[in-house]
Amino acid sequence: MKASEIYSIKVKPKSSQSRMEKQADGTWVAWLNSPPVDGKANKELLRLVAETAGVSKSRVTLVGGGKSRMKRVAVQ
């Protein structure tokens, strides 16, 4: 992942592990341990994106799909 871009990420909550993988079509898939309750999965997603992109959590923002499995995340 690079900084200053917006990524489309398909989220799969309640997985056995937390990890991200880039697909052939350019989208990303994120497997998250957290359940999709009270924003826990979204918080874990932002942490995982920051870790993958090598930036701090404050530079990652959810810009779309807050209650959907397809998220749009901006990395600055």
Protein backbone atom coordinates (compact mmCIF):
# COMPACT_ATOMS: atom_id res chain seq x y z
CA MET A 1 0.00 0.00 0.00
CA LYS A 2 1.13 3.54 -0.71
CA ALA A 3 0.34 6.77 1.08
CA SER A 4 -1.96 9.44 -0.45
CA GLU A 5 -4.39 6.98 -2.03
CA ILE A 6 -7.91 5.63 -1.49
CA TYR A 7 -8.31 1.86 -1.37
CA SER A 8 -11.34 -0.40 -1.83
CA ILE A 9 -11.22 -3.13 0.79
CA LYS A 10 -13.58 -6.08 1.22
CA VAL A 11 -13.84 -6.93 4.92
CA LYS A 12 -14.41 -10.41 6.33
CA PRO A 13 -15.03 -10.01 10.08
CA LYS A 14 -14.85 -12.74 12.72
CA SER A 15 -11.96 -14.53 10.98
CA SER A 16 -9.42 -16.67 12.78
CA GLN A 17 -6.61 -14.22 11.98
CA SER A 18 -6.06 -10.57 11.01
CA ARG A 19 -4.38 -10.06 7.67
CA MET A 20 -4.68 -8.23 4.35
CA GLU A 21 -4.10 -9.45 0.82
CA LYS A 22 -4.13 -7.64 -2.52
CA GLN A 23 -6.29 -9.26 -5.19
CA ALA A 24 -5.50 -9.50 -8.92
CA ASP A 25 -8.09 -6.80 -9.75
CA GLY A 26 -6.33 -4.26 -7.48
CA THR A 27 -8.78 -4.44 -4.59
CA TRP A 28 -7.80 -5.62 -1.12
CA VAL A 29 -9.37 -8.23 1.17
CA ALA A 30 -9.02 -7.89 4.94
CA TRP A 31 -9.69 -10.77 7.31
CA LEU A 32 -10.40 -9.38 10.79
CA ASN A 33 -10.66 -11.06 14.20
CA SER A 34 -13.18 -8.49 15.44
CA PRO A 35 -16.95 -8.86 15.07
CA PRO A 36 -18.88 -6.17 13.15
CA VAL A 37 -20.36 -4.75 16.36
CA ASP A 38 -19.94 -1.25 17.84
CA GLY A 39 -17.35 -0.30 15.21
CA LYS A 40 -14.82 -2.89 16.43
CA ALA A 41 -14.16 -4.28 12.94
CA ASN A 42 -13.74 -0.77 11.50
CA LYS A 43 -11.20 0.13 14.20
CA GLU A 44 -9.26 -3.07 13.58
CA LEU A 45 -9.36 -2.42 9.82
CA LEU A 46 -7.86 1.06 10.24
CA ARG A 47 -5.12 -0.35 12.48
CA LEU A 48 -4.36 -3.12 9.97
CA VAL A 49 -4.28 -0.72 7.01
CA ALA A 50 -1.91 1.60 8.90
CA GLU A 51 0.35 -1.34 9.73
CA THR A 52 0.31 -2.59 6.12
CA ALA A 53 0.99 0.88 4.66
CA GLY A 54 3.69 1.64 7.23
CA VAL A 55 2.03 4.82 8.52
CA SER A 56 0.54 5.87 11.86
CA LYS A 57 -3.14 5.17 12.59
CA SER A 58 -3.90 8.89 12.53
CA ARG A 59 -3.09 8.98 8.79
CA VAL A 60 -5.76 6.37 7.90
CA THR A 61 -9.42 7.37 7.50
CA LEU A 62 -12.58 5.46 6.66
CA VAL A 63 -14.23 7.48 3.86
CA GLY A 64 -17.03 5.13 2.84
CA GLY A 65 -18.83 1.91 3.69
CA GLY A 66 -19.01 2.32 7.46
CA LYS A 67 -21.75 -0.31 7.74
CA SER A 68 -20.90 -2.31 4.63
CA ARG A 69 -18.41 -5.09 3.91
CA MET A 70 -16.94 -3.00 1.07
CA LYS A 71 -14.96 -0.15 2.63
CA ARG A 72 -13.17 2.83 1.13
CA VAL A 73 -10.12 3.82 3.14
CA ALA A 74 -7.87 6.84 2.58
CA VAL A 75 -4.18 6.67 3.49
CA GLN A 76 -2.40 10.04 3.78
